[in-house]
């Protein structure tokens, strides 16, 4: 499965079966997490065989069950967009390995003895990980990609194919309560600016933007544009 195929196949999954993740898959994910931490200056951590984070009332309220593995998204203040961008790289790798995931902001209990949060760092959210009871379902798209982008060039109505492909991938990105409060602006010289729109859940907007940027980059092809 390619990364573009994993974008299409990935859906949020909240219920998991009792099946351990194979050692070789854990290692592949750890290798990518190590790489992402180096590139992004982050402290993302993989937690395995730990059922307590999703054993409380909040998890039941959120309809989570069977979760024994998760990815702790940890970074410094101001790292949220990077956590979304690099975290989604790990999520998409998990999908290519036949695993399921779900970004989780509130409905879990912190387990500080299972991961390290250094001074000036914070646990922003986690991503559940494992073999899903189902493969999840795709949320219907309420608007076309044109509602989420602008053309700053003097060429109205002429988005290049790579930009359209990037936007279609970005609209498949998971966001807090499926709000999709982001916008992509096409500038001269194939430069793309990504920014958030106003939302009442502004605390998660930078993470959502980072996830959407990851999808856009894969869909558009890194060779076709530069970030503004």
C-alpha atoms as a PDB file:
ATOM      1  CA  UNK A   1       0.000   0.000   0.000  1.00  0.00           C
ATOM      2  CA  UNK A   2       1.368   3.417  -0.967  1.00  0.00           C
ATOM      3  CA  UNK A   3       0.990   6.532   1.186  1.00  0.00           C
ATOM      4  CA  UNK A   4      -1.625   7.908  -1.213  1.00  0.00           C
ATOM      5  CA  UNK A   5      -3.557   4.650  -0.912  1.00  0.00           C
ATOM      6  CA  UNK A   6      -3.244   4.795   2.881  1.00  0.00           C
ATOM      7  CA  UNK A   7      -4.835   8.279   2.873  1.00  0.00           C
ATOM      8  CA  UNK A   8      -7.874   6.807   1.137  1.00  0.00           C
ATOM      9  CA  UNK A   9      -7.968   3.710   3.370  1.00  0.00           C
ATOM     10  CA  UNK A  10      -7.426   5.420   6.736  1.00  0.00           C
ATOM     11  CA  UNK A  11     -10.511   6.090   8.857  1.00  0.00           C
ATOM     12  CA  UNK A  12     -10.770   6.772  12.575  1.00  0.00           C
ATOM     13  CA  UNK A  13     -11.308   3.529  14.528  1.00  0.00           C
ATOM     14  CA  UNK A  14     -12.328   3.453  18.198  1.00  0.00           C
ATOM     15  CA  UNK A  15     -12.907  -0.256  18.881  1.00  0.00           C
ATOM     16  CA  UNK A  16     -10.046  -2.767  18.710  1.00  0.00           C
ATOM     17  CA  UNK A  17      -9.681  -6.532  18.900  1.00  0.00           C
ATOM     18  CA  UNK A  18      -7.344  -8.386  21.261  1.00  0.00           C
ATOM     19  CA  UNK A  19      -4.505  -9.011  18.808  1.00  0.00           C
ATOM     20  CA  UNK A  20      -0.907  -8.023  19.610  1.00  0.00           C
ATOM     21  CA  UNK A  21       1.015  -5.921  17.113  1.00  0.00           C
ATOM     22  CA  UNK A  22       3.862  -7.901  15.579  1.00  0.00           C
ATOM     23  CA  UNK A  23       7.387  -7.051  16.704  1.00  0.00           C
ATOM     24  CA  UNK A  24       8.532  -6.185  13.192  1.00  0.00           C
ATOM     25  CA  UNK A  25       5.695  -3.692  12.775  1.00  0.00           C
ATOM     26  CA  UNK A  26       6.467  -2.097  16.122  1.00  0.00           C
ATOM     27  CA  UNK A  27      10.086  -1.701  15.001  1.00  0.00           C
ATOM     28  CA  UNK A  28       9.099  -0.098  11.690  1.00  0.00           C
ATOM     29  CA  UNK A  29       6.935   2.399  13.506  1.00  0.00           C
ATOM     30  CA  UNK A  30       9.626   3.116  16.093  1.00  0.00           C
ATOM     31  CA  UNK A  31      12.163   3.747  13.342  1.00  0.00           C
ATOM     32  CA  UNK A  32       9.887   6.340  11.720  1.00  0.00           C
ATOM     33  CA  UNK A  33       9.074   7.936  15.092  1.00  0.00           C
ATOM     34  CA  UNK A  34      12.804   8.299  15.786  1.00  0.00           C
ATOM     35  CA  UNK A  35      13.268   9.918  12.379  1.00  0.00           C
ATOM     36  CA  UNK A  36      10.331  12.295  12.903  1.00  0.00           C
ATOM     37  CA  UNK A  37      11.613  13.293  16.341  1.00  0.00           C
ATOM     38  CA  UNK A  38      15.009  14.138  14.878  1.00  0.00           C
ATOM     39  CA  UNK A  39      13.608  16.144  11.971  1.00  0.00           C
ATOM     40  CA  UNK A  40      10.855  17.914  13.904  1.00  0.00           C
ATOM     41  CA  UNK A  41      12.562  18.376  17.265  1.00  0.00           C
ATOM     42  CA  UNK A  42       9.729  16.431  18.892  1.00  0.00           C
ATOM     43  CA  UNK A  43       9.376  13.754  21.576  1.00  0.00           C
ATOM     44  CA  UNK A  44       6.722  11.444  20.091  1.00  0.00           C
ATOM     45  CA  UNK A  45       6.641   8.099  21.921  1.00  0.00           C
ATOM     46  CA  UNK A  46       5.160   4.699  21.154  1.00  0.00           C
ATOM     47  CA  UNK A  47       3.431   3.017  24.118  1.00  0.00           C
ATOM     48  CA  UNK A  48       2.551  -0.679  23.827  1.00  0.00           C
ATOM     49  CA  UNK A  49       0.594  -3.141  25.977  1.00  0.00           C
ATOM     50  CA  UNK A  50      -0.813  -0.396  28.207  1.00  0.00           C
ATOM     51  CA  UNK A  51      -4.611  -0.647  28.731  1.00  0.00           C
ATOM     52  CA  UNK A  52      -5.142   1.951  31.459  1.00  0.00           C
ATOM     53  CA  UNK A  53      -5.242   5.113  29.346  1.00  0.00           C
ATOM     54  CA  UNK A  54      -8.515   3.962  27.803  1.00  0.00           C
ATOM     55  CA  UNK A  55     -10.064   2.092  30.717  1.00  0.00           C
ATOM     56  CA  UNK A  56     -11.960   4.938  32.386  1.00  0.00           C
ATOM     57  CA  UNK A  57     -15.335   6.578  31.990  1.00  0.00           C
ATOM     58  CA  UNK A  58     -14.134   9.149  29.481  1.00  0.00           C
ATOM     59  CA  UNK A  59     -13.027   6.429  27.095  1.00  0.00           C
ATOM     60  CA  UNK A  60     -16.334   4.601  27.457  1.00  0.00           C
ATOM     61  CA  UNK A  61     -18.177   7.868  26.820  1.00  0.00           C
ATOM     62  CA  UNK A  62     -16.124   8.281  23.654  1.00  0.00           C
ATOM     63  CA  UNK A  63     -16.956   4.675  22.671  1.00  0.00           C
ATOM     64  CA  UNK A  64     -13.321   3.564  22.814  1.00  0.00           C
ATOM     65  CA  UNK A  65     -12.601  -0.070  23.680  1.00  0.00           C
ATOM     66  CA  UNK A  66      -9.872  -2.703  23.435  1.00  0.00           C
ATOM     67  CA  UNK A  67      -7.024  -0.173  23.222  1.00  0.00           C
ATOM     68  CA  UNK A  68      -3.679  -1.379  24.579  1.00  0.00           C
ATOM     69  CA  UNK A  69      -1.341   0.600  22.324  1.00  0.00           C
ATOM     70  CA  UNK A  70      -1.080   4.286  21.510  1.00  0.00           C
ATOM     71  CA  UNK A  71       1.258   7.001  20.311  1.00  0.00           C
ATOM     72  CA  UNK A  72       1.906   9.829  22.773  1.00  0.00           C
ATOM     73  CA  UNK A  73       2.229  13.160  20.951  1.00  0.00           C
ATOM     74  CA  UNK A  74       4.690  15.103  23.075  1.00  0.00           C
ATOM     75  CA  UNK A  75       6.498  18.333  22.251  1.00  0.00           C
ATOM     76  CA  UNK A  76       7.334  21.820  23.439  1.00  0.00           C
ATOM     77  CA  UNK A  77       5.018  24.815  23.424  1.00  0.00           C
ATOM     78  CA  UNK A  78       4.458  25.860  19.820  1.00  0.00           C
ATOM     79  CA  UNK A  79       5.179  22.381  18.430  1.00  0.00           C
ATOM     80  CA  UNK A  80       1.526  21.469  17.795  1.00  0.00           C
ATOM     81  CA  UNK A  81       1.586  21.937  14.020  1.00  0.00           C
ATOM     82  CA  UNK A  82       4.727  19.819  13.769  1.00  0.00           C
ATOM     83  CA  UNK A  83       3.124  17.157  15.970  1.00  0.00           C
ATOM     84  CA  UNK A  84       0.205  17.002  13.560  1.00  0.00           C
ATOM     85  CA  UNK A  85       2.427  16.888  10.489  1.00  0.00           C
ATOM     86  CA  UNK A  86       4.887  14.271  11.735  1.00  0.00           C
ATOM     87  CA  UNK A  87       2.309  12.381  13.770  1.00  0.00           C
ATOM     88  CA  UNK A  88       0.209  11.829  10.666  1.00  0.00           C
ATOM     89  CA  UNK A  89       3.257  10.395   8.902  1.00  0.00           C
ATOM     90  CA  UNK A  90       3.338   7.742  11.633  1.00  0.00           C
ATOM     91  CA  UNK A  91      -0.429   7.221  11.361  1.00  0.00           C
ATOM     92  CA  UNK A  92      -0.206   6.654   7.615  1.00  0.00           C
ATOM     93  CA  UNK A  93       2.651   4.189   8.071  1.00  0.00           C
ATOM     94  CA  UNK A  94       0.462   2.295  10.546  1.00  0.00           C
ATOM     95  CA  UNK A  95      -2.246   2.109   7.887  1.00  0.00           C
ATOM     96  CA  UNK A  96       0.186   0.687   5.338  1.00  0.00           C
ATOM     97  CA  UNK A  97       1.068  -1.983   7.917  1.00  0.00           C
ATOM     98  CA  UNK A  98      -2.574  -3.022   8.265  1.00  0.00           C
ATOM     99  CA  UNK A  99      -3.099  -1.233  11.597  1.00  0.00           C
ATOM    100  CA  UNK A 100      -5.843   1.193  12.599  1.00  0.00           C
ATOM    101  CA  UNK A 101      -5.667   4.486  14.470  1.00  0.00           C
ATOM    102  CA  UNK A 102      -7.627   7.407  15.888  1.00  0.00           C
ATOM    103  CA  UNK A 103      -6.430  10.846  17.003  1.00  0.00           C
ATOM    104  CA  UNK A 104      -7.684  11.428  20.570  1.00  0.00           C
ATOM    105  CA  UNK A 105      -7.620  14.795  22.309  1.00  0.00           C
ATOM    106  CA  UNK A 106      -9.566  14.415  25.551  1.00  0.00           C
ATOM    107  CA  UNK A 107     -11.165  11.025  26.116  1.00  0.00           C
ATOM    108  CA  UNK A 108      -8.210   9.242  27.701  1.00  0.00           C
ATOM    109  CA  UNK A 109      -6.415   9.220  31.056  1.00  0.00           C
ATOM    110  CA  UNK A 110      -2.809  10.345  31.291  1.00  0.00           C
ATOM    111  CA  UNK A 111      -0.313   7.668  32.339  1.00  0.00           C
ATOM    112  CA  UNK A 112       2.847   9.673  33.165  1.00  0.00           C
ATOM    113  CA  UNK A 113       4.836   6.588  34.152  1.00  0.00           C
ATOM    114  CA  UNK A 114       4.484   5.144  30.631  1.00  0.00           C
ATOM    115  CA  UNK A 115       6.170   7.953  28.706  1.00  0.00           C
ATOM    116  CA  UNK A 116       8.544  10.811  29.439  1.00  0.00           C
ATOM    117  CA  UNK A 117       7.492  14.465  29.383  1.00  0.00           C
ATOM    118  CA  UNK A 118      10.562  16.608  29.910  1.00  0.00           C
ATOM    119  CA  UNK A 119      10.689  20.145  31.267  1.00  0.00           C
ATOM    120  CA  UNK A 120       8.995  22.630  28.917  1.00  0.00           C
ATOM    121  CA  UNK A 121       7.246  19.748  27.122  1.00  0.00           C
ATOM    122  CA  UNK A 122       3.594  18.717  27.175  1.00  0.00           C
ATOM    123  CA  UNK A 123       1.462  15.764  26.150  1.00  0.00           C
ATOM    124  CA  UNK A 124      -0.840  17.289  23.541  1.00  0.00           C
ATOM    125  CA  UNK A 125      -2.879  14.222  22.563  1.00  0.00           C
ATOM    126  CA  UNK A 126      -2.529  10.526  21.772  1.00  0.00           C
ATOM    127  CA  UNK A 127      -3.293   8.275  18.821  1.00  0.00           C
ATOM    128  CA  UNK A 128      -4.864   4.886  19.492  1.00  0.00           C
ATOM    129  CA  UNK A 129      -3.186   2.033  17.648  1.00  0.00           C
ATOM    130  CA  UNK A 130      -3.962  -1.604  16.926  1.00  0.00           C
ATOM    131  CA  UNK A 131      -6.143  -3.945  14.919  1.00  0.00           C
ATOM    132  CA  UNK A 132      -9.594  -2.454  14.594  1.00  0.00           C
ATOM    133  CA  UNK A 133     -12.832  -4.336  15.055  1.00  0.00           C
ATOM    134  CA  UNK A 134     -13.800  -2.585  11.795  1.00  0.00           C
ATOM    135  CA  UNK A 135     -11.964  -0.432   9.284  1.00  0.00           C
ATOM    136  CA  UNK A 136     -14.065   2.628  10.112  1.00  0.00           C
ATOM    137  CA  UNK A 137     -16.069   4.768   7.706  1.00  0.00           C
ATOM    138  CA  UNK A 138     -15.333   7.919   5.732  1.00  0.00           C
ATOM    139  CA  UNK A 139     -17.113  11.104   6.799  1.00  0.00           C
ATOM    140  CA  UNK A 140     -19.070  12.613   3.873  1.00  0.00           C
ATOM    141  CA  UNK A 141     -17.585  15.762   2.380  1.00  0.00           C
ATOM    142  CA  UNK A 142     -19.989  18.700   2.739  1.00  0.00           C
ATOM    143  CA  UNK A 143     -18.116  21.035   0.379  1.00  0.00           C
ATOM    144  CA  UNK A 144     -15.811  20.839  -2.616  1.00  0.00           C
ATOM    145  CA  UNK A 145     -12.106  21.586  -2.304  1.00  0.00           C
ATOM    146  CA  UNK A 146     -12.651  25.123  -3.665  1.00  0.00           C
ATOM    147  CA  UNK A 147     -14.218  26.086  -0.323  1.00  0.00           C
ATOM    148  CA  UNK A 148     -10.904  25.425   1.431  1.00  0.00           C
ATOM    149  CA  UNK A 149      -8.459  27.246  -0.829  1.00  0.00           C
ATOM    150  CA  UNK A 150      -7.667  30.561  -2.497  1.00  0.00           C
ATOM    151  CA  UNK A 151      -5.699  31.544  -5.586  1.00  0.00           C
ATOM    152  CA  UNK A 152      -3.486  34.562  -4.897  1.00  0.00           C
ATOM    153  CA  UNK A 153      -2.222  34.601  -8.501  1.00  0.00           C
ATOM    154  CA  UNK A 154      -3.811  36.523 -11.355  1.00  0.00           C
ATOM    155  CA  UNK A 155      -5.106  33.305 -12.864  1.00  0.00           C
ATOM    156  CA  UNK A 156      -8.613  32.776 -11.446  1.00  0.00           C
ATOM    157  CA  UNK A 157     -10.149  29.347 -11.919  1.00  0.00           C
ATOM    158  CA  UNK A 158      -6.945  27.695 -13.105  1.00  0.00           C
ATOM    159  CA  UNK A 159      -5.665  25.559 -10.253  1.00  0.00           C
ATOM    160  CA  UNK A 160      -2.898  23.219 -11.450  1.00  0.00           C
ATOM    161  CA  UNK A 161      -3.536  19.501 -11.236  1.00  0.00           C
ATOM    162  CA  UNK A 162      -0.985  18.957  -8.457  1.00  0.00           C
ATOM    163  CA  UNK A 163      -2.741  21.582  -6.298  1.00  0.00           C
ATOM    164  CA  UNK A 164      -6.144  19.966  -6.849  1.00  0.00           C
ATOM    165  CA  UNK A 165      -4.702  16.570  -5.940  1.00  0.00           C
ATOM    166  CA  UNK A 166      -3.166  18.057  -2.806  1.00  0.00           C
ATOM    167  CA  UNK A 167      -6.459  19.623  -1.746  1.00  0.00           C
ATOM    168  CA  UNK A 168      -8.360  16.382  -2.273  1.00  0.00           C
ATOM    169  CA  UNK A 169      -5.855  14.601  -0.029  1.00  0.00           C
ATOM    170  CA  UNK A 170      -6.038  17.388   2.579  1.00  0.00           C
ATOM    171  CA  UNK A 171      -9.823  17.028   2.801  1.00  0.00           C
ATOM    172  CA  UNK A 172      -9.321  13.395   3.845  1.00  0.00           C
ATOM    173  CA  UNK A 173      -7.261  14.504   6.859  1.00  0.00           C
ATOM    174  CA  UNK A 174      -8.771  13.820  10.299  1.00  0.00           C
ATOM    175  CA  UNK A 175      -9.632  16.997  12.230  1.00  0.00           C
ATOM    176  CA  UNK A 176     -11.283  17.761  15.586  1.00  0.00           C
ATOM    177  CA  UNK A 177     -15.002  16.893  15.258  1.00  0.00           C
ATOM    178  CA  UNK A 178     -14.449  16.914  11.487  1.00  0.00           C
ATOM    179  CA  UNK A 179     -14.381  20.731  11.357  1.00  0.00           C
ATOM    180  CA  UNK A 180     -11.667  21.063   8.673  1.00  0.00           C
ATOM    181  CA  UNK A 181     -10.893  24.636   9.728  1.00  0.00           C
ATOM    182  CA  UNK A 182      -7.945  25.155   7.397  1.00  0.00           C
ATOM    183  CA  UNK A 183      -7.192  26.984   4.178  1.00  0.00           C
ATOM    184  CA  UNK A 184      -4.556  26.590   1.465  1.00  0.00           C
ATOM    185  CA  UNK A 185      -3.488  29.589  -0.620  1.00  0.00           C
ATOM    186  CA  UNK A 186      -1.717  29.189  -3.972  1.00  0.00           C
ATOM    187  CA  UNK A 187       0.842  31.947  -4.617  1.00  0.00           C
ATOM    188  CA  UNK A 188       3.065  32.750  -7.584  1.00  0.00           C
ATOM    189  CA  UNK A 189       5.986  30.443  -8.213  1.00  0.00           C
ATOM    190  CA  UNK A 190       4.121  27.324  -7.035  1.00  0.00           C
ATOM    191  CA  UNK A 191       4.309  28.449  -3.425  1.00  0.00           C
ATOM    192  CA  UNK A 192       1.571  27.256  -1.064  1.00  0.00           C
ATOM    193  CA  UNK A 193       0.554  28.865   2.209  1.00  0.00           C
ATOM    194  CA  UNK A 194      -1.423  26.831   4.753  1.00  0.00           C
ATOM    195  CA  UNK A 195      -3.271  28.535   7.589  1.00  0.00           C
ATOM    196  CA  UNK A 196      -6.049  27.932  10.083  1.00  0.00           C
ATOM    197  CA  UNK A 197      -9.510  29.431  10.035  1.00  0.00           C
ATOM    198  CA  UNK A 198     -11.337  30.549  13.173  1.00  0.00           C
ATOM    199  CA  UNK A 199     -12.764  27.748  15.286  1.00  0.00           C
ATOM    200  CA  UNK A 200     -14.115  27.441  18.829  1.00  0.00           C
ATOM    201  CA  UNK A 201     -11.775  24.452  19.240  1.00  0.00           C
ATOM    202  CA  UNK A 202      -8.745  26.611  18.466  1.00  0.00           C
ATOM    203  CA  UNK A 203      -6.533  24.532  20.766  1.00  0.00           C
ATOM    204  CA  UNK A 204      -6.539  21.704  18.236  1.00  0.00           C
ATOM    205  CA  UNK A 205      -6.419  23.861  15.099  1.00  0.00           C
ATOM    206  CA  UNK A 206      -2.583  23.815  14.771  1.00  0.00           C
ATOM    207  CA  UNK A 207      -2.530  20.011  15.064  1.00  0.00           C
ATOM    208  CA  UNK A 208      -5.287  19.728  12.460  1.00  0.00           C
ATOM    209  CA  UNK A 209      -3.371  22.054  10.143  1.00  0.00           C
ATOM    210  CA  UNK A 210      -0.227  19.952  10.461  1.00  0.00           C
ATOM    211  CA  UNK A 211      -2.176  16.793   9.621  1.00  0.00           C
ATOM    212  CA  UNK A 212      -3.757  18.481   6.598  1.00  0.00           C
ATOM    213  CA  UNK A 213      -0.332  19.719   5.413  1.00  0.00           C
ATOM    214  CA  UNK A 214       1.001  16.159   5.590  1.00  0.00           C
ATOM    215  CA  UNK A 215      -1.872  14.943   3.399  1.00  0.00           C
ATOM    216  CA  UNK A 216      -1.519  17.860   0.972  1.00  0.00           C
ATOM    217  CA  UNK A 217       2.192  17.210   0.536  1.00  0.00           C
ATOM    218  CA  UNK A 218       1.615  13.548  -0.281  1.00  0.00           C
ATOM    219  CA  UNK A 219      -1.264  14.272  -2.657  1.00  0.00           C
ATOM    220  CA  UNK A 220       0.432  17.166  -4.462  1.00  0.00           C
ATOM    221  CA  UNK A 221       3.928  15.709  -4.549  1.00  0.00           C
ATOM    222  CA  UNK A 222       6.740  17.522  -2.743  1.00  0.00           C
ATOM    223  CA  UNK A 223       8.536  18.104  -6.044  1.00  0.00           C
ATOM    224  CA  UNK A 224       5.712  20.282  -7.374  1.00  0.00           C
ATOM    225  CA  UNK A 225       5.600  23.123  -4.813  1.00  0.00           C
ATOM    226  CA  UNK A 226       7.226  24.934  -1.908  1.00  0.00           C
ATOM    227  CA  UNK A 227       5.644  25.894   1.414  1.00  0.00           C
ATOM    228  CA  UNK A 228       5.253  29.660   1.812  1.00  0.00           C
END
